Amino acid sequence: TRGGNTKYADSVKGRFTVSRGNAKNTVYLQ
């Protein structure tokens, strides 16, 4: 979310991390 709250599907929880860049126009998936 815009506030930085994250949610994950059970299949990827603990393995994937979603984040936003500082400019808020880029989203990453580690």
PDB file of all heavy atoms in Angstrom:
ATOM      1  N   THR A   1       0.827  -1.196   0.000  1.00  0.00           N
ATOM      2  CA  THR A   1       0.000   0.000   0.000  1.00  0.00           C
ATOM      3  C   THR A   1       0.862   1.247   0.000  1.00  0.00           C
ATOM      4  O   THR A   1       2.081   1.190   0.162  1.00  0.00           O
ATOM      5  CB  THR A   1      -0.927   0.037   1.224  1.00  0.00           C
ATOM      6  OG1 THR A   1      -0.139   0.213   2.410  1.00  0.00           O
ATOM      7  CG2 THR A   1      -1.741  -1.243   1.336  1.00  0.00           C
ATOM      8  N   ARG A   2       0.203   2.398  -0.175  1.00  0.00           N
ATOM      9  CA  ARG A   2       0.917   3.671  -0.122  1.00  0.00           C
ATOM     10  C   ARG A   2       1.594   3.866   1.226  1.00  0.00           C
ATOM     11  O   ARG A   2       2.639   4.515   1.307  1.00  0.00           O
ATOM     12  CB  ARG A   2      -0.042   4.830  -0.406  1.00  0.00           C
ATOM     13  CG  ARG A   2      -0.466   4.950  -1.862  1.00  0.00           C
ATOM     14  CD  ARG A   2      -1.497   6.033  -2.055  1.00  0.00           C
ATOM     15  NE  ARG A   2      -2.761   5.694  -1.407  1.00  0.00           N
ATOM     16  CZ  ARG A   2      -3.873   6.397  -1.512  1.00  0.00           C
ATOM     17  NH1 ARG A   2      -3.888   7.501  -2.258  1.00  0.00           N
ATOM     18  NH2 ARG A   2      -4.970   6.015  -0.887  1.00  0.00           N
ATOM     19  N   GLY A   3       1.011   3.301   2.270  1.00  0.00           N
ATOM     20  CA  GLY A   3       1.590   3.394   3.595  1.00  0.00           C
ATOM     21  C   GLY A   3       2.661   2.373   3.890  1.00  0.00           C
ATOM     22  O   GLY A   3       3.236   2.378   4.979  1.00  0.00           O
ATOM     23  N   GLY A   4       2.921   1.484   2.940  1.00  0.00           N
ATOM     24  CA  GLY A   4       3.978   0.506   3.112  1.00  0.00           C
ATOM     25  C   GLY A   4       3.549  -0.824   3.700  1.00  0.00           C
ATOM     26  O   GLY A   4       4.398  -1.675   3.985  1.00  0.00           O
ATOM     27  N   ASN A   5       2.249  -1.016   3.891  1.00  0.00           N
ATOM     28  CA  ASN A   5       1.774  -2.294   4.383  1.00  0.00           C
ATOM     29  C   ASN A   5       1.844  -3.342   3.281  1.00  0.00           C
ATOM     30  O   ASN A   5       1.498  -3.069   2.135  1.00  0.00           O
ATOM     31  CB  ASN A   5       0.343  -2.183   4.894  1.00  0.00           C
ATOM     32  CG  ASN A   5       0.237  -1.283   6.102  1.00  0.00           C
ATOM     33  OD1 ASN A   5       1.047  -1.373   7.025  1.00  0.00           O
ATOM     34  ND2 ASN A   5      -0.761  -0.410   6.112  1.00  0.00           N
ATOM     35  N   THR A   6       2.284  -4.525   3.619  1.00  0.00           N
ATOM     36  CA  THR A   6       2.468  -5.586   2.634  1.00  0.00           C
ATOM     37  C   THR A   6       1.646  -6.813   2.983  1.00  0.00           C
ATOM     38  O   THR A   6       1.366  -7.090   4.147  1.00  0.00           O
ATOM     39  CB  THR A   6       3.944  -5.985   2.518  1.00  0.00           C
ATOM     40  OG1 THR A   6       4.432  -6.409   3.800  1.00  0.00           O
ATOM     41  CG2 THR A   6       4.780  -4.815   2.030  1.00  0.00           C
ATOM     42  N   LYS A   7       1.272  -7.545   1.941  1.00  0.00           N
ATOM     43  CA  LYS A   7       0.584  -8.817   2.082  1.00  0.00           C
ATOM     44  C   LYS A   7       1.146  -9.783   1.053  1.00  0.00           C
ATOM     45  O   LYS A   7       1.566  -9.367  -0.018  1.00  0.00           O
ATOM     46  CB  LYS A   7      -0.931  -8.668   1.894  1.00  0.00           C
ATOM     47  CG  LYS A   7      -1.632  -7.879   2.976  1.00  0.00           C
ATOM     48  CD  LYS A   7      -3.132  -7.848   2.740  1.00  0.00           C
ATOM     49  CE  LYS A   7      -3.849  -7.103   3.851  1.00  0.00           C
ATOM     50  NZ  LYS A   7      -5.313  -7.068   3.625  1.00  0.00           N
ATOM     51  N   TYR A   8       1.126 -11.059   1.394  1.00  0.00           N
ATOM     52  CA  TYR A   8       1.693 -12.072   0.516  1.00  0.00           C
ATOM     53  C   TYR A   8       0.794 -13.281   0.426  1.00  0.00           C
ATOM     54  O   TYR A   8       0.110 -13.640   1.383  1.00  0.00           O
ATOM     55  CB  TYR A   8       3.069 -12.519   1.029  1.00  0.00           C
ATOM     56  CG  TYR A   8       4.077 -11.404   1.117  1.00  0.00           C
ATOM     57  CD1 TYR A   8       4.241 -10.691   2.297  1.00  0.00           C
ATOM     58  CD2 TYR A   8       4.850 -11.058   0.018  1.00  0.00           C
ATOM     59  CE1 TYR A   8       5.155  -9.653   2.377  1.00  0.00           C
ATOM     60  CE2 TYR A   8       5.768 -10.027   0.092  1.00  0.00           C
ATOM     61  CZ  TYR A   8       5.917  -9.329   1.267  1.00  0.00           C
ATOM     62  OH  TYR A   8       6.827  -8.300   1.341  1.00  0.00           O
ATOM     63  N   ALA A   9       0.803 -13.902  -0.744  1.00  0.00           N
ATOM     64  CA  ALA A   9       0.151 -15.190  -0.880  1.00  0.00           C
ATOM     65  C   ALA A   9       0.903 -16.217  -0.047  1.00  0.00           C
ATOM     66  O   ALA A   9       2.117 -16.122   0.133  1.00  0.00           O
ATOM     67  CB  ALA A   9       0.120 -15.617  -2.349  1.00  0.00           C
ATOM     68  N   ASP A  10       0.175 -17.194   0.460  1.00  0.00           N
ATOM     69  CA  ASP A  10       0.801 -18.215   1.293  1.00  0.00           C
ATOM     70  C   ASP A  10       1.942 -18.922   0.568  1.00  0.00           C
ATOM     71  O   ASP A  10       2.931 -19.325   1.195  1.00  0.00           O
ATOM     72  CB  ASP A  10      -0.236 -19.241   1.750  1.00  0.00           C
ATOM     73  CG  ASP A  10      -1.203 -18.681   2.775  1.00  0.00           C
ATOM     74  OD1 ASP A  10      -0.878 -17.656   3.408  1.00  0.00           O
ATOM     75  OD2 ASP A  10      -2.281 -19.271   2.951  1.00  0.00           O
ATOM     76  N   SER A  11       1.827 -19.050  -0.737  1.00  0.00           N
ATOM     77  CA  SER A  11       2.817 -19.780  -1.503  1.00  0.00           C
ATOM     78  C   SER A  11       4.178 -19.090  -1.558  1.00  0.00           C
ATOM     79  O   SER A  11       5.186 -19.739  -1.838  1.00  0.00           O
ATOM     80  CB  SER A  11       2.309 -20.025  -2.931  1.00  0.00           C
ATOM     81  OG  SER A  11       2.033 -18.801  -3.579  1.00  0.00           O
ATOM     82  N   VAL A  12       4.220 -17.782  -1.298  1.00  0.00           N
ATOM     83  CA  VAL A  12       5.475 -17.044  -1.384  1.00  0.00           C
ATOM     84  C   VAL A  12       5.877 -16.405  -0.067  1.00  0.00           C
ATOM     85  O   VAL A  12       6.982 -15.854   0.032  1.00  0.00           O
ATOM     86  CB  VAL A  12       5.427 -15.961  -2.483  1.00  0.00           C
ATOM     87  CG1 VAL A  12       5.004 -16.566  -3.813  1.00  0.00           C
ATOM     88  CG2 VAL A  12       4.487 -14.826  -2.091  1.00  0.00           C
ATOM     89  N   LYS A  13       5.025 -16.466   0.932  1.00  0.00           N
ATOM     90  CA  LYS A  13       5.305 -15.834   2.216  1.00  0.00           C
ATOM     91  C   LYS A  13       6.600 -16.387   2.814  1.00  0.00           C
ATOM     92  O   LYS A  13       6.816 -17.591   2.862  1.00  0.00           O
ATOM     93  CB  LYS A  13       4.133 -16.044   3.173  1.00  0.00           C
ATOM     94  CG  LYS A  13       4.231 -15.254   4.474  1.00  0.00           C
ATOM     95  CD  LYS A  13       2.938 -15.364   5.281  1.00  0.00           C
ATOM     96  CE  LYS A  13       1.776 -14.732   4.552  1.00  0.00           C
ATOM     97  NZ  LYS A  13       0.533 -14.749   5.362  1.00  0.00           N
ATOM     98  N   GLY A  14       7.439 -15.474   3.263  1.00  0.00           N
ATOM     99  CA  GLY A  14       8.714 -15.857   3.832  1.00  0.00           C
ATOM    100  C   GLY A  14       9.827 -15.950   2.820  1.00  0.00           C
ATOM    101  O   GLY A  14      11.002 -16.049   3.204  1.00  0.00           O
ATOM    102  N   ARG A  15       9.492 -15.922   1.533  1.00  0.00           N
ATOM    103  CA  ARG A  15      10.494 -16.020   0.481  1.00  0.00           C
ATOM    104  C   ARG A  15      10.575 -14.761  -0.377  1.00  0.00           C
ATOM    105  O   ARG A  15      11.655 -14.400  -0.835  1.00  0.00           O
ATOM    106  CB  ARG A  15      10.210 -17.227  -0.421  1.00  0.00           C
ATOM    107  CG  ARG A  15      10.201 -18.558   0.317  1.00  0.00           C
ATOM    108  CD  ARG A  15      10.112 -19.732  -0.648  1.00  0.00           C
ATOM    109  NE  ARG A  15       8.854 -19.712  -1.402  1.00  0.00           N
ATOM    110  CZ  ARG A  15       8.774 -19.573  -2.728  1.00  0.00           C
ATOM    111  NH1 ARG A  15       9.885 -19.439  -3.452  1.00  0.00           N
ATOM    112  NH2 ARG A  15       7.592 -19.583  -3.336  1.00  0.00           N
ATOM    113  N   PHE A  16       9.440 -14.112  -0.596  1.00  0.00           N
ATOM    114  CA  PHE A  16       9.383 -12.916  -1.438  1.00  0.00           C
ATOM    115  C   PHE A  16       9.174 -11.681  -0.572  1.00  0.00           C
ATOM    116  O   PHE A  16       8.510 -11.741   0.469  1.00  0.00           O
ATOM    117  CB  PHE A  16       8.239 -12.999  -2.446  1.00  0.00           C
ATOM    118  CG  PHE A  16       8.398 -14.035  -3.527  1.00  0.00           C
ATOM    119  CD1 PHE A  16       9.446 -14.947  -3.513  1.00  0.00           C
ATOM    120  CD2 PHE A  16       7.481 -14.100  -4.561  1.00  0.00           C
ATOM    121  CE1 PHE A  16       9.583 -15.904  -4.512  1.00  0.00           C
ATOM    122  CE2 PHE A  16       7.606 -15.048  -5.566  1.00  0.00           C
ATOM    123  CZ  PHE A  16       8.650 -15.947  -5.540  1.00  0.00           C
ATOM    124  N   THR A  17       9.701 -10.548  -1.024  1.00  0.00           N
ATOM    125  CA  THR A  17       9.513  -9.276  -0.353  1.00  0.00           C
ATOM    126  C   THR A  17       9.177  -8.210  -1.380  1.00  0.00           C
ATOM    127  O   THR A  17       9.916  -8.030  -2.350  1.00  0.00           O
ATOM    128  CB  THR A  17      10.771  -8.853   0.427  1.00  0.00           C
ATOM    129  OG1 THR A  17      11.127  -9.869   1.370  1.00  0.00           O
ATOM    130  CG2 THR A  17      10.513  -7.546   1.170  1.00  0.00           C
ATOM    131  N   VAL A  18       8.070  -7.513  -1.170  1.00  0.00           N
ATOM    132  CA  VAL A  18       7.673  -6.434  -2.065  1.00  0.00           C
ATOM    133  C   VAL A  18       8.019  -5.099  -1.411  1.00  0.00           C
ATOM    134  O   VAL A  18       7.886  -4.934  -0.194  1.00  0.00           O
ATOM    135  CB  VAL A  18       6.171  -6.523  -2.413  1.00  0.00           C
ATOM    136  CG1 VAL A  18       5.299  -6.359  -1.175  1.00  0.00           C
ATOM    137  CG2 VAL A  18       5.801  -5.498  -3.479  1.00  0.00           C
ATOM    138  N   SER A  19       8.468  -4.146  -2.198  1.00  0.00           N
ATOM    139  CA  SER A  19       8.850  -2.844  -1.671  1.00  0.00           C
ATOM    140  C   SER A  19       8.637  -1.773  -2.731  1.00  0.00           C
ATOM    141  O   SER A  19       8.428  -2.074  -3.912  1.00  0.00           O
ATOM    142  CB  SER A  19      10.308  -2.843  -1.202  1.00  0.00           C
ATOM    143  OG  SER A  19      11.186  -3.116  -2.278  1.00  0.00           O
ATOM    144  N   ARG A  20       8.688  -0.517  -2.298  1.00  0.00           N
ATOM    145  CA  ARG A  20       8.578   0.632  -3.192  1.00  0.00           C
ATOM    146  C   ARG A  20       9.867   1.423  -3.195  1.00  0.00           C
ATOM    147  O   ARG A  20      10.564   1.497  -2.185  1.00  0.00           O
ATOM    148  CB  ARG A  20       7.444   1.558  -2.759  1.00  0.00           C
ATOM    149  CG  ARG A  20       6.051   1.150  -3.169  1.00  0.00           C
ATOM    150  CD  ARG A  20       5.085   2.252  -2.768  1.00  0.00           C
ATOM    151  NE  ARG A  20       3.710   1.958  -3.146  1.00  0.00           N
ATOM    152  CZ  ARG A  20       3.154   2.301  -4.299  1.00  0.00           C
ATOM    153  NH1 ARG A  20       3.858   2.947  -5.222  1.00  0.00           N
ATOM    154  NH2 ARG A  20       1.885   2.008  -4.538  1.00  0.00           N
ATOM    155  N   GLY A  21      10.169   2.032  -4.335  1.00  0.00           N
ATOM    156  CA  GLY A  21      11.266   2.965  -4.395  1.00  0.00           C
ATOM    157  C   GLY A  21      10.890   4.260  -3.709  1.00  0.00           C
ATOM    158  O   GLY A  21       9.718   4.531  -3.442  1.00  0.00           O
ATOM    159  N   ASN A  22      11.893   5.091  -3.432  1.00  0.00           N
ATOM    160  CA  ASN A  22      11.637   6.351  -2.733  1.00  0.00           C
ATOM    161  C   ASN A  22      10.720   7.279  -3.513  1.00  0.00           C
ATOM    162  O   ASN A  22       9.948   8.032  -2.916  1.00  0.00           O
ATOM    163  CB  ASN A  22      12.956   7.064  -2.431  1.00  0.00           C
ATOM    164  CG  ASN A  22      13.778   6.344  -1.390  1.00  0.00           C
ATOM    165  OD1 ASN A  22      13.258   5.614  -0.552  1.00  0.00           O
ATOM    166  ND2 ASN A  22      15.091   6.557  -1.429  1.00  0.00           N
ATOM    167  N   ALA A  23      10.789   7.223  -4.826  1.00  0.00           N
ATOM    168  CA  ALA A  23       9.960   8.081  -5.664  1.00  0.00           C
ATOM    169  C   ALA A  23       8.526   7.586  -5.779  1.00  0.00           C
ATOM    170  O   ALA A  23       7.683   8.272  -6.341  1.00  0.00           O
ATOM    171  CB  ALA A  23      10.576   8.216  -7.049  1.00  0.00           C
ATOM    172  N   LYS A  24       8.248   6.402  -5.285  1.00  0.00           N
ATOM    173  CA  LYS A  24       6.911   5.806  -5.259  1.00  0.00           C
ATOM    174  C   LYS A  24       6.357   5.487  -6.639  1.00  0.00           C
ATOM    175  O   LYS A  24       5.163   5.230  -6.778  1.00  0.00           O
ATOM    176  CB  LYS A  24       5.926   6.703  -4.499  1.00  0.00           C
ATOM    177  CG  LYS A  24       6.346   7.051  -3.077  1.00  0.00           C
ATOM    178  CD  LYS A  24       6.412   5.817  -2.201  1.00  0.00           C
ATOM    179  CE  LYS A  24       6.722   6.185  -0.760  1.00  0.00           C
ATOM    180  NZ  LYS A  24       6.826   4.982   0.108  1.00  0.00           N
ATOM    181  N   ASN A  25       7.194   5.515  -7.639  1.00  0.00           N
ATOM    182  CA  ASN A  25       6.759   5.149  -8.978  1.00  0.00           C
ATOM    183  C   ASN A  25       7.403   3.845  -9.447  1.00  0.00           C
ATOM    184  O   ASN A  25       7.271   3.481 -10.613  1.00  0.00           O
ATOM    185  CB  ASN A  25       7.044   6.266  -9.971  1.00  0.00           C
ATOM    186  CG  ASN A  25       8.527   6.513 -10.165  1.00  0.00           C
ATOM    187  OD1 ASN A  25       9.352   6.145  -9.332  1.00  0.00           O
ATOM    188  ND2 ASN A  25       8.868   7.149 -11.288  1.00  0.00           N
ATOM    189  N   THR A  26       8.074   3.176  -8.535  1.00  0.00           N
ATOM    190  CA  THR A  26       8.710   1.909  -8.832  1.00  0.00           C
ATOM    191  C   THR A  26       8.399   0.914  -7.724  1.00  0.00           C
ATOM    192  O   THR A  26       8.458   1.264  -6.542  1.00  0.00           O
ATOM    193  CB  THR A  26      10.233   2.050  -8.981  1.00  0.00           C
ATOM    194  OG1 THR A  26      10.533   3.059  -9.953  1.00  0.00           O
ATOM    195  CG2 THR A  26      10.860   0.743  -9.426  1.00  0.00           C
ATOM    196  N   VAL A  27       8.048  -0.286  -8.107  1.00  0.00           N
ATOM    197  CA  VAL A  27       7.759  -1.352  -7.155  1.00  0.00           C
ATOM    198  C   VAL A  27       8.690  -2.516  -7.439  1.00  0.00           C
ATOM    199  O   VAL A  27       8.912  -2.863  -8.603  1.00  0.00           O
ATOM    200  CB  VAL A  27       6.290  -1.804  -7.232  1.00  0.00           C
ATOM    201  CG1 VAL A  27       5.978  -2.820  -6.144  1.00  0.00           C
ATOM    202  CG2 VAL A  27       5.349  -0.607  -7.112  1.00  0.00           C
ATOM    203  N   TYR A  28       9.217  -3.115  -6.392  1.00  0.00           N
ATOM    204  CA  TYR A  28      10.158  -4.211  -6.531  1.00  0.00           C
ATOM    205  C   TYR A  28       9.605  -5.486  -5.917  1.00  0.00           C
ATOM    206  O   TYR A  28       8.774  -5.455  -5.007  1.00  0.00           O
ATOM    207  CB  TYR A  28      11.487  -3.876  -5.843  1.00  0.00           C
ATOM    208  CG  TYR A  28      12.142  -2.611  -6.347  1.00  0.00           C
ATOM    209  CD1 TYR A  28      12.006  -1.414  -5.653  1.00  0.00           C
ATOM    210  CD2 TYR A  28      12.888  -2.621  -7.517  1.00  0.00           C
ATOM    211  CE1 TYR A  28      12.603  -0.255  -6.112  1.00  0.00           C
ATOM    212  CE2 TYR A  28      13.490  -1.460  -7.982  1.00  0.00           C
ATOM    213  CZ  TYR A  28      13.345  -0.285  -7.276  1.00  0.00           C
ATOM    214  OH  TYR A  28      13.942   0.862  -7.732  1.00  0.00           O
ATOM    215  N   LEU A  29      10.085  -6.592  -6.419  1.00  0.00           N
ATOM    216  CA  LEU A  29       9.784  -7.887  -5.827  1.00  0.00           C
ATOM    217  C   LEU A  29      11.089  -8.647  -5.693  1.00  0.00           C
ATOM    218  O   LEU A  29      11.679  -9.062  -6.692  1.00  0.00           O
ATOM    219  CB  LEU A  29       8.790  -8.684  -6.675  1.00  0.00           C
ATOM    220  CG  LEU A  29       8.341 -10.021  -6.067  1.00  0.00           C
ATOM    221  CD1 LEU A  29       7.478  -9.772  -4.825  1.00  0.00           C
ATOM    222  CD2 LEU A  29       7.580 -10.863  -7.079  1.00  0.00           C
ATOM    223  N   GLN A  30      11.549  -8.796  -4.460  1.00  0.00           N
ATOM    224  CA  GLN A  30      12.740  -9.576  -4.185  1.00  0.00           C
ATOM    225  C   GLN A  30      12.325 -11.020  -3.989  1.00  0.00           C
ATOM    226  O   GLN A  30      11.541 -11.327  -3.095  1.00  0.00           O
ATOM    227  CB  GLN A  30      13.455  -9.056  -2.937  1.00  0.00           C
ATOM    228  CG  GLN A  30      14.705  -9.838  -2.556  1.00  0.00           C
ATOM    229  CD  GLN A  30      15.809  -9.705  -3.575  1.00  0.00           C
ATOM    230  OE1 GLN A  30      16.101  -8.608  -4.032  1.00  0.00           O
ATOM    231  NE2 GLN A  30      16.419 -10.826  -3.941  1.00  0.00           N
TER     232      GLN A  30
END
